[in-house]
Amino acid sequence: MRPFVLSIGGSDPSGGAGIQADLKTLHQHGVVGGALVTLHTVQNSRGVTGVEVRDIAREIDTVFEDGAAAAIKTGALGSAANVVAVAERLHDRSVPLVVDPVRASTSGAVFLDKAAWSTLQRELLPLATLVTPNCREASALAGLDVVDVKSARRAAEVIAEMGPTGVLVKGGHLEGDPIDVLWHRGEIIELAGTRIAVDARGTGCALSAAIAASLALGVELPEACRRAKAWLARALEGAVPWGKGRSILDHHAPVRSD
């Protein structure tokens, strides 16, 4: 029986990011994906021009009443109320939780205001198996500028003090080849990669969903991060030009365990 993985995040009608990217990634990784929509975006390949936040408390209860998830992944939560709704229902659960702390879109649309951001740090991060900030999000969480691998390592250590089991500071926004920094149970692991010259959307969504899928399948966290990073590289290599803006990842990229 394939494990069920629940994605909680925003909807991208153009299919490049958000829960649409999550569901495609989860399917490709051999798990059953479900989705709770926290917010609807007015969005295409060029960016986000509108956001409508939804209250998901009732939906969470309905899904959880029906059965247990093998892993949960959160993305853009939209409001402090939604952050609290998720946190309250996960306090007594041992399910792996991957938190992608999405604060705003690349085009500048805000998904979490200042109060909601503080609530996420206080209520949700201590419950996380893994937090996956990009450099901008890591800077905001840690209160320091992440500009290189050294500062990414320091940011991971600071964020780890908030309580998560693991922190993965993604290096895609740094100069040179992308090096992701993983803090896990007191150890720092650098995950090297080769920069692929493709401007694609939804990379953070797909990476965190791929990690959640591996965790649901019983893969240990460091290996789950390595596999997800390798798969994302293949998805970037096959990215599909669409519309008048950024490309869409090749979510059909093969999944390998080597």
C-alpha atoms as a PDB file:
ATOM      1  CA  MET A   1       0.000   0.000   0.000  1.00  0.00           C
ATOM      2  CA  ARG A   2       1.404   3.373  -0.976  1.00  0.00           C
ATOM      3  CA  PRO A   3       1.746   5.898   1.877  1.00  0.00           C
ATOM      4  CA  PHE A   4      -0.420   9.025   1.924  1.00  0.00           C
ATOM      5  CA  VAL A   5       1.365  12.398   2.048  1.00  0.00           C
ATOM      6  CA  LEU A   6      -0.591  15.572   2.707  1.00  0.00           C
ATOM      7  CA  SER A   7       0.456  18.893   1.185  1.00  0.00           C
ATOM      8  CA  ILE A   8      -0.896  22.036   2.870  1.00  0.00           C
ATOM      9  CA  GLY A   9      -0.275  25.149   0.807  1.00  0.00           C
ATOM     10  CA  GLY A  10      -1.319  27.590  -1.875  1.00  0.00           C
ATOM     11  CA  SER A  11      -2.763  26.905  -5.300  1.00  0.00           C
ATOM     12  CA  ASP A  12      -0.969  27.907  -8.506  1.00  0.00           C
ATOM     13  CA  PRO A  13      -3.459  27.652 -11.396  1.00  0.00           C
ATOM     14  CA  SER A  14      -0.613  27.657 -13.922  1.00  0.00           C
ATOM     15  CA  GLY A  15       0.789  24.473 -12.405  1.00  0.00           C
ATOM     16  CA  GLY A  16       4.386  25.492 -11.800  1.00  0.00           C
ATOM     17  CA  ALA A  17       4.389  25.851  -8.026  1.00  0.00           C
ATOM     18  CA  GLY A  18       2.239  25.359  -4.932  1.00  0.00           C
ATOM     19  CA  ILE A  19       0.113  22.303  -4.338  1.00  0.00           C
ATOM     20  CA  GLN A  20      -0.040  21.529  -8.057  1.00  0.00           C
ATOM     21  CA  ALA A  21       3.743  21.102  -8.116  1.00  0.00           C
ATOM     22  CA  ASP A  22       3.573  19.168  -4.849  1.00  0.00           C
ATOM     23  CA  LEU A  23       1.014  16.678  -6.120  1.00  0.00           C
ATOM     24  CA  LYS A  24       2.948  16.027  -9.323  1.00  0.00           C
ATOM     25  CA  THR A  25       6.140  15.539  -7.317  1.00  0.00           C
ATOM     26  CA  LEU A  26       4.486  13.216  -4.802  1.00  0.00           C
ATOM     27  CA  HIS A  27       2.981  11.108  -7.575  1.00  0.00           C
ATOM     28  CA  GLN A  28       6.345  10.811  -9.322  1.00  0.00           C
ATOM     29  CA  HIS A  29       7.935   9.663  -6.058  1.00  0.00           C
ATOM     30  CA  GLY A  30       5.483   6.810  -5.647  1.00  0.00           C
ATOM     31  CA  VAL A  31       3.231   8.059  -2.865  1.00  0.00           C
ATOM     32  CA  VAL A  32      -0.414   9.097  -2.741  1.00  0.00           C
ATOM     33  CA  GLY A  33      -0.737  12.869  -2.499  1.00  0.00           C
ATOM     34  CA  GLY A  34      -3.513  14.880  -0.885  1.00  0.00           C
ATOM     35  CA  ALA A  35      -3.843  18.650  -0.686  1.00  0.00           C
ATOM     36  CA  LEU A  36      -5.402  21.318   1.520  1.00  0.00           C
ATOM     37  CA  VAL A  37      -5.588  24.690  -0.211  1.00  0.00           C
ATOM     38  CA  THR A  38      -4.649  27.532   2.133  1.00  0.00           C
ATOM     39  CA  LEU A  39      -4.860  30.256  -0.478  1.00  0.00           C
ATOM     40  CA  HIS A  40      -5.755  30.808  -4.108  1.00  0.00           C
ATOM     41  CA  THR A  41      -3.407  32.842  -6.249  1.00  0.00           C
ATOM     42  CA  VAL A  42      -4.027  34.813  -9.410  1.00  0.00           C
ATOM     43  CA  GLN A  43      -0.864  33.646 -11.118  1.00  0.00           C
ATOM     44  CA  ASN A  44       0.787  32.720 -14.379  1.00  0.00           C
ATOM     45  CA  SER A  45       4.352  32.077 -15.529  1.00  0.00           C
ATOM     46  CA  ARG A  46       5.241  35.758 -15.032  1.00  0.00           C
ATOM     47  CA  GLY A  47       4.174  36.107 -11.422  1.00  0.00           C
ATOM     48  CA  VAL A  48       1.455  36.442  -8.795  1.00  0.00           C
ATOM     49  CA  THR A  49      -1.007  39.329  -9.090  1.00  0.00           C
ATOM     50  CA  GLY A  50      -3.539  38.373  -6.419  1.00  0.00           C
ATOM     51  CA  VAL A  51      -3.961  36.242  -3.284  1.00  0.00           C
ATOM     52  CA  GLU A  52      -7.135  35.030  -1.574  1.00  0.00           C
ATOM     53  CA  VAL A  53      -6.564  33.303   1.786  1.00  0.00           C
ATOM     54  CA  ARG A  54      -8.840  30.520   3.015  1.00  0.00           C
ATOM     55  CA  ASP A  55      -9.549  29.114   6.509  1.00  0.00           C
ATOM     56  CA  ILE A  56      -8.516  25.447   6.530  1.00  0.00           C
ATOM     57  CA  ALA A  57      -9.279  24.351  10.119  1.00  0.00           C
ATOM     58  CA  ARG A  58     -12.401  22.386   9.244  1.00  0.00           C
ATOM     59  CA  GLU A  59     -10.740  20.709   6.265  1.00  0.00           C
ATOM     60  CA  ILE A  60      -7.788  19.564   8.367  1.00  0.00           C
ATOM     61  CA  ASP A  61     -10.124  17.940  10.875  1.00  0.00           C
ATOM     62  CA  THR A  62     -12.076  16.224   8.117  1.00  0.00           C
ATOM     63  CA  VAL A  63      -8.947  14.776   6.490  1.00  0.00           C
ATOM     64  CA  PHE A  64      -7.420  13.668   9.796  1.00  0.00           C
ATOM     65  CA  GLU A  65     -10.649  11.968  10.866  1.00  0.00           C
ATOM     66  CA  ASP A  66     -10.453   9.754   7.798  1.00  0.00           C
ATOM     67  CA  GLY A  67      -6.954   8.348   8.242  1.00  0.00           C
ATOM     68  CA  ALA A  68      -3.340   9.029   9.111  1.00  0.00           C
ATOM     69  CA  ALA A  69      -0.812  10.656   6.824  1.00  0.00           C
ATOM     70  CA  ALA A  70       2.650   9.113   6.534  1.00  0.00           C
ATOM     71  CA  ALA A  71       4.126  12.612   6.152  1.00  0.00           C
ATOM     72  CA  ILE A  72       2.910  16.203   5.921  1.00  0.00           C
ATOM     73  CA  LYS A  73       4.412  19.094   3.991  1.00  0.00           C
ATOM     74  CA  THR A  74       3.446  22.751   4.448  1.00  0.00           C
ATOM     75  CA  GLY A  75       4.052  25.593   2.026  1.00  0.00           C
ATOM     76  CA  ALA A  76       2.378  29.002   1.857  1.00  0.00           C
ATOM     77  CA  LEU A  77      -0.035  29.005   4.810  1.00  0.00           C
ATOM     78  CA  GLY A  78      -1.484  32.464   4.241  1.00  0.00           C
ATOM     79  CA  SER A  79      -2.419  33.527   7.774  1.00  0.00           C
ATOM     80  CA  ALA A  80      -1.570  33.163  11.453  1.00  0.00           C
ATOM     81  CA  ALA A  81      -4.881  31.344  11.925  1.00  0.00           C
ATOM     82  CA  ASN A  82      -3.867  28.695   9.408  1.00  0.00           C
ATOM     83  CA  VAL A  83      -0.443  28.312  11.017  1.00  0.00           C
ATOM     84  CA  VAL A  84      -2.100  27.755  14.397  1.00  0.00           C
ATOM     85  CA  ALA A  85      -4.664  25.369  12.911  1.00  0.00           C
ATOM     86  CA  VAL A  86      -1.892  23.165  11.541  1.00  0.00           C
ATOM     87  CA  ALA A  87       0.255  23.356  14.672  1.00  0.00           C
ATOM     88  CA  GLU A  88      -2.578  22.547  17.062  1.00  0.00           C
ATOM     89  CA  ARG A  89      -3.494  19.409  15.132  1.00  0.00           C
ATOM     90  CA  LEU A  90       0.077  18.152  14.899  1.00  0.00           C
ATOM     91  CA  HIS A  91       1.133  18.535  18.536  1.00  0.00           C
ATOM     92  CA  ASP A  92       0.188  14.979  19.434  1.00  0.00           C
ATOM     93  CA  ARG A  93       1.248  13.333  16.158  1.00  0.00           C
ATOM     94  CA  SER A  94       4.600  11.744  15.398  1.00  0.00           C
ATOM     95  CA  VAL A  95       4.200  12.106  11.631  1.00  0.00           C
ATOM     96  CA  PRO A  96       7.190  13.594   9.751  1.00  0.00           C
ATOM     97  CA  LEU A  97       6.566  17.269   9.016  1.00  0.00           C
ATOM     98  CA  VAL A  98       8.433  19.219   6.333  1.00  0.00           C
ATOM     99  CA  VAL A  99       7.933  22.980   6.647  1.00  0.00           C
ATOM    100  CA  ASP A 100       8.733  25.087   3.592  1.00  0.00           C
ATOM    101  CA  PRO A 101       8.533  28.563   5.211  1.00  0.00           C
ATOM    102  CA  VAL A 102       7.146  30.391   2.191  1.00  0.00           C
ATOM    103  CA  ARG A 103       6.854  34.068   3.049  1.00  0.00           C
ATOM    104  CA  ALA A 104       6.430  35.645  -0.381  1.00  0.00           C
ATOM    105  CA  SER A 105       6.555  34.766  -4.058  1.00  0.00           C
ATOM    106  CA  THR A 106       9.568  35.572  -6.214  1.00  0.00           C
ATOM    107  CA  SER A 107       7.443  38.261  -7.874  1.00  0.00           C
ATOM    108  CA  GLY A 108       6.777  39.884  -4.491  1.00  0.00           C
ATOM    109  CA  ALA A 109       3.283  38.705  -3.483  1.00  0.00           C
ATOM    110  CA  VAL A 110       3.112  38.339   0.321  1.00  0.00           C
ATOM    111  CA  PHE A 111       1.834  34.991   1.646  1.00  0.00           C
ATOM    112  CA  LEU A 112       2.566  35.569   5.359  1.00  0.00           C
ATOM    113  CA  ASP A 113       2.433  38.962   7.065  1.00  0.00           C
ATOM    114  CA  LYS A 114       4.703  39.868   9.976  1.00  0.00           C
ATOM    115  CA  ALA A 115       2.379  38.486  12.667  1.00  0.00           C
ATOM    116  CA  ALA A 116       1.847  35.212  10.808  1.00  0.00           C
ATOM    117  CA  TRP A 117       5.592  34.856  10.237  1.00  0.00           C
ATOM    118  CA  SER A 118       6.219  35.190  13.976  1.00  0.00           C
ATOM    119  CA  THR A 119       3.473  32.646  14.657  1.00  0.00           C
ATOM    120  CA  LEU A 120       5.097  30.180  12.267  1.00  0.00           C
ATOM    121  CA  GLN A 121       8.424  30.514  14.064  1.00  0.00           C
ATOM    122  CA  ARG A 122       6.840  30.085  17.485  1.00  0.00           C
ATOM    123  CA  GLU A 123       4.193  27.431  16.820  1.00  0.00           C
ATOM    124  CA  LEU A 124       5.195  25.351  13.804  1.00  0.00           C
ATOM    125  CA  LEU A 125       8.985  25.229  13.586  1.00  0.00           C
ATOM    126  CA  PRO A 126       9.380  23.331  16.900  1.00  0.00           C
ATOM    127  CA  LEU A 127       7.201  20.556  15.447  1.00  0.00           C
ATOM    128  CA  ALA A 128       9.113  20.239  12.185  1.00  0.00           C
ATOM    129  CA  THR A 129      11.189  17.274  11.112  1.00  0.00           C
ATOM    130  CA  LEU A 130      12.754  19.596   8.564  1.00  0.00           C
ATOM    131  CA  VAL A 131      12.546  23.301   7.708  1.00  0.00           C
ATOM    132  CA  THR A 132      13.603  24.233   4.151  1.00  0.00           C
ATOM    133  CA  PRO A 133      14.207  28.003   3.850  1.00  0.00           C
ATOM    134  CA  ASN A 134      15.853  29.630   0.870  1.00  0.00           C
ATOM    135  CA  CYS A 135      18.506  32.236   1.597  1.00  0.00           C
ATOM    136  CA  ARG A 136      16.031  35.105   1.970  1.00  0.00           C
ATOM    137  CA  GLU A 137      13.790  33.095   4.285  1.00  0.00           C
ATOM    138  CA  ALA A 138      16.785  31.852   6.279  1.00  0.00           C
ATOM    139  CA  SER A 139      17.966  35.454   6.668  1.00  0.00           C
ATOM    140  CA  ALA A 140      14.558  36.469   8.011  1.00  0.00           C
ATOM    141  CA  LEU A 141      14.338  33.495  10.381  1.00  0.00           C
ATOM    142  CA  ALA A 142      17.885  33.746  11.706  1.00  0.00           C
ATOM    143  CA  GLY A 143      18.184  37.533  11.759  1.00  0.00           C
ATOM    144  CA  LEU A 144      21.390  37.592   9.716  1.00  0.00           C
ATOM    145  CA  ASP A 145      22.321  38.008   6.065  1.00  0.00           C
ATOM    146  CA  VAL A 146      22.827  34.707   4.286  1.00  0.00           C
ATOM    147  CA  VAL A 147      25.272  35.572   1.501  1.00  0.00           C
ATOM    148  CA  ASP A 148      27.578  32.539   1.344  1.00  0.00           C
ATOM    149  CA  VAL A 149      27.977  29.007   2.665  1.00  0.00           C
ATOM    150  CA  LYS A 150      29.557  30.203   5.915  1.00  0.00           C
ATOM    151  CA  SER A 151      26.578  32.422   6.772  1.00  0.00           C
ATOM    152  CA  ALA A 152      24.177  29.667   5.626  1.00  0.00           C
ATOM    153  CA  ARG A 153      25.812  27.311   8.142  1.00  0.00           C
ATOM    154  CA  ARG A 154      25.384  29.887  10.902  1.00  0.00           C
ATOM    155  CA  ALA A 155      21.757  30.544   9.917  1.00  0.00           C
ATOM    156  CA  ALA A 156      21.010  26.811  10.002  1.00  0.00           C
ATOM    157  CA  GLU A 157      22.394  26.624  13.534  1.00  0.00           C
ATOM    158  CA  VAL A 158      20.326  29.623  14.669  1.00  0.00           C
ATOM    159  CA  ILE A 159      17.114  28.251  13.130  1.00  0.00           C
ATOM    160  CA  ALA A 160      17.814  24.853  14.704  1.00  0.00           C
ATOM    161  CA  GLU A 161      17.603  26.556  18.107  1.00  0.00           C
ATOM    162  CA  MET A 162      13.892  27.142  17.369  1.00  0.00           C
ATOM    163  CA  GLY A 163      13.296  23.418  17.757  1.00  0.00           C
ATOM    164  CA  PRO A 164      13.157  21.574  14.423  1.00  0.00           C
ATOM    165  CA  THR A 165      14.963  18.260  14.038  1.00  0.00           C
ATOM    166  CA  GLY A 166      16.572  19.428  10.814  1.00  0.00           C
ATOM    167  CA  VAL A 167      17.194  22.634   8.837  1.00  0.00           C
ATOM    168  CA  LEU A 168      18.027  22.743   5.134  1.00  0.00           C
ATOM    169  CA  VAL A 169      19.199  26.174   3.972  1.00  0.00           C
ATOM    170  CA  LYS A 170      18.945  26.061   0.185  1.00  0.00           C
ATOM    171  CA  GLY A 171      21.803  27.611  -1.750  1.00  0.00           C
ATOM    172  CA  GLY A 172      20.101  28.332  -5.049  1.00  0.00           C
ATOM    173  CA  HIS A 173      20.255  32.100  -4.517  1.00  0.00           C
ATOM    174  CA  LEU A 174      23.978  32.134  -3.703  1.00  0.00           C
ATOM    175  CA  GLU A 175      26.729  32.834  -6.221  1.00  0.00           C
ATOM    176  CA  GLY A 176      28.320  29.890  -7.971  1.00  0.00           C
ATOM    177  CA  ASP A 177      27.189  26.289  -7.829  1.00  0.00           C
ATOM    178  CA  PRO A 178      24.351  25.753  -5.354  1.00  0.00           C
ATOM    179  CA  ILE A 179      25.454  24.261  -2.034  1.00  0.00           C
ATOM    180  CA  ASP A 180      22.626  23.413   0.341  1.00  0.00           C
ATOM    181  CA  VAL A 181      23.464  23.358   4.049  1.00  0.00           C
ATOM    182  CA  LEU A 182      21.761  20.694   6.160  1.00  0.00           C
ATOM    183  CA  TRP A 183      21.792  20.873   9.959  1.00  0.00           C
ATOM    184  CA  HIS A 184      20.625  17.570  11.427  1.00  0.00           C
ATOM    185  CA  ARG A 185      20.875  16.595  15.081  1.00  0.00           C
ATOM    186  CA  GLY A 186      23.863  18.844  15.691  1.00  0.00           C
ATOM    187  CA  GLU A 187      25.772  17.951  12.531  1.00  0.00           C
ATOM    188  CA  ILE A 188      26.286  20.180   9.479  1.00  0.00           C
ATOM    189  CA  ILE A 189      26.267  18.479   6.076  1.00  0.00           C
ATOM    190  CA  GLU A 190      26.971  20.367   2.847  1.00  0.00           C
ATOM    191  CA  LEU A 191      25.096  19.074  -0.205  1.00  0.00           C
ATOM    192  CA  ALA A 192      26.950  20.183  -3.316  1.00  0.00           C
ATOM    193  CA  GLY A 193      25.357  20.628  -6.723  1.00  0.00           C
ATOM    194  CA  THR A 194      25.975  22.017 -10.191  1.00  0.00           C
ATOM    195  CA  ARG A 195      24.144  25.144 -11.262  1.00  0.00           C
ATOM    196  CA  ILE A 196      21.738  24.532 -14.123  1.00  0.00           C
ATOM    197  CA  ALA A 197      21.081  27.606 -16.261  1.00  0.00           C
ATOM    198  CA  VAL A 198      17.283  27.360 -16.222  1.00  0.00           C
ATOM    199  CA  ASP A 199      14.873  29.908 -14.752  1.00  0.00           C
ATOM    200  CA  ALA A 200      12.108  27.634 -13.461  1.00  0.00           C
ATOM    201  CA  ARG A 201       9.322  28.120 -10.945  1.00  0.00           C
ATOM    202  CA  GLY A 202       8.391  25.936  -8.010  1.00  0.00           C
ATOM    203  CA  THR A 203      11.815  24.526  -7.203  1.00  0.00           C
ATOM    204  CA  GLY A 204      11.364  24.955  -3.445  1.00  0.00           C
ATOM    205  CA  CYS A 205       7.909  23.388  -3.532  1.00  0.00           C
ATOM    206  CA  ALA A 206       9.136  20.376  -5.488  1.00  0.00           C
ATOM    207  CA  LEU A 207      12.224  19.872  -3.318  1.00  0.00           C
ATOM    208  CA  SER A 208      10.315  19.867  -0.041  1.00  0.00           C
ATOM    209  CA  ALA A 209       7.588  17.615  -1.463  1.00  0.00           C
ATOM    210  CA  ALA A 210      10.226  15.153  -2.704  1.00  0.00           C
ATOM    211  CA  ILE A 211      11.791  15.076   0.759  1.00  0.00           C
ATOM    212  CA  ALA A 212       8.381  14.494   2.372  1.00  0.00           C
ATOM    213  CA  ALA A 213       7.735  11.588  -0.011  1.00  0.00           C
ATOM    214  CA  SER A 214      11.043   9.940   0.879  1.00  0.00           C
ATOM    215  CA  LEU A 215      10.386  10.369   4.597  1.00  0.00           C
ATOM    216  CA  ALA A 216       6.980   8.731   4.143  1.00  0.00           C
ATOM    217  CA  LEU A 217       8.741   5.810   2.460  1.00  0.00           C
ATOM    218  CA  GLY A 218      11.069   5.379   5.428  1.00  0.00           C
ATOM    219  CA  VAL A 219      14.217   7.057   4.083  1.00  0.00           C
ATOM    220  CA  GLU A 220      16.399   8.750   6.707  1.00  0.00           C
ATOM    221  CA  LEU A 221      16.419  12.553   6.592  1.00  0.00           C
ATOM    222  CA  PRO A 222      19.956  13.230   5.243  1.00  0.00           C
ATOM    223  CA  GLU A 223      19.483  10.668   2.474  1.00  0.00           C
ATOM    224  CA  ALA A 224      16.010  12.025   1.707  1.00  0.00           C
ATOM    225  CA  CYS A 225      17.565  15.475   1.191  1.00  0.00           C
ATOM    226  CA  ARG A 226      20.295  14.080  -1.058  1.00  0.00           C
ATOM    227  CA  ARG A 227      17.822  12.167  -3.219  1.00  0.00           C
ATOM    228  CA  ALA A 228      15.490  15.154  -3.511  1.00  0.00           C
ATOM    229  CA  LYS A 229      18.323  17.461  -4.545  1.00  0.00           C
ATOM    230  CA  ALA A 230      19.491  14.993  -7.206  1.00  0.00           C
ATOM    231  CA  TRP A 231      15.952  14.575  -8.538  1.00  0.00           C
ATOM    232  CA  LEU A 232      15.430  18.338  -8.629  1.00  0.00           C
ATOM    233  CA  ALA A 233      18.563  18.691 -10.765  1.00  0.00           C
ATOM    234  CA  ARG A 234      17.097  16.249 -13.286  1.00  0.00           C
ATOM    235  CA  ALA A 235      13.763  18.104 -13.176  1.00  0.00           C
ATOM    236  CA  LEU A 236      15.581  21.370 -13.883  1.00  0.00           C
ATOM    237  CA  GLU A 237      17.495  19.871 -16.783  1.00  0.00           C
ATOM    238  CA  GLY A 238      14.210  18.910 -18.412  1.00  0.00           C
ATOM    239  CA  ALA A 239      12.306  22.093 -17.503  1.00  0.00           C
ATOM    240  CA  VAL A 240       9.573  22.990 -19.973  1.00  0.00           C
ATOM    241  CA  PRO A 241       9.224  26.536 -21.379  1.00  0.00           C
ATOM    242  CA  TRP A 242       5.622  27.625 -20.946  1.00  0.00           C
ATOM    243  CA  GLY A 243       3.837  30.928 -21.323  1.00  0.00           C
ATOM    244  CA  LYS A 244       5.707  34.223 -21.437  1.00  0.00           C
ATOM    245  CA  GLY A 245       7.678  33.863 -18.221  1.00  0.00           C
ATOM    246  CA  ARG A 246       9.538  31.249 -16.196  1.00  0.00           C
ATOM    247  CA  SER A 247       9.669  27.569 -17.133  1.00  0.00           C
ATOM    248  CA  ILE A 248       7.976  24.650 -15.364  1.00  0.00           C
ATOM    249  CA  LEU A 249      10.019  21.822 -13.898  1.00  0.00           C
ATOM    250  CA  ASP A 250       9.939  18.423 -15.536  1.00  0.00           C
ATOM    251  CA  HIS A 251       8.028  16.631 -12.781  1.00  0.00           C
ATOM    252  CA  HIS A 252       8.314  13.452 -14.883  1.00  0.00           C
ATOM    253  CA  ALA A 253      12.059  13.338 -14.220  1.00  0.00           C
ATOM    254  CA  PRO A 254      13.134   9.854 -13.100  1.00  0.00           C
ATOM    255  CA  VAL A 255      13.452   9.149  -9.383  1.00  0.00           C
ATOM    256  CA  ARG A 256      16.575   7.205  -8.432  1.00  0.00           C
ATOM    257  CA  SER A 257      18.023   6.065  -5.121  1.00  0.00           C
ATOM    258  CA  ASP A 258      21.690   6.043  -6.233  1.00  0.00           C
END
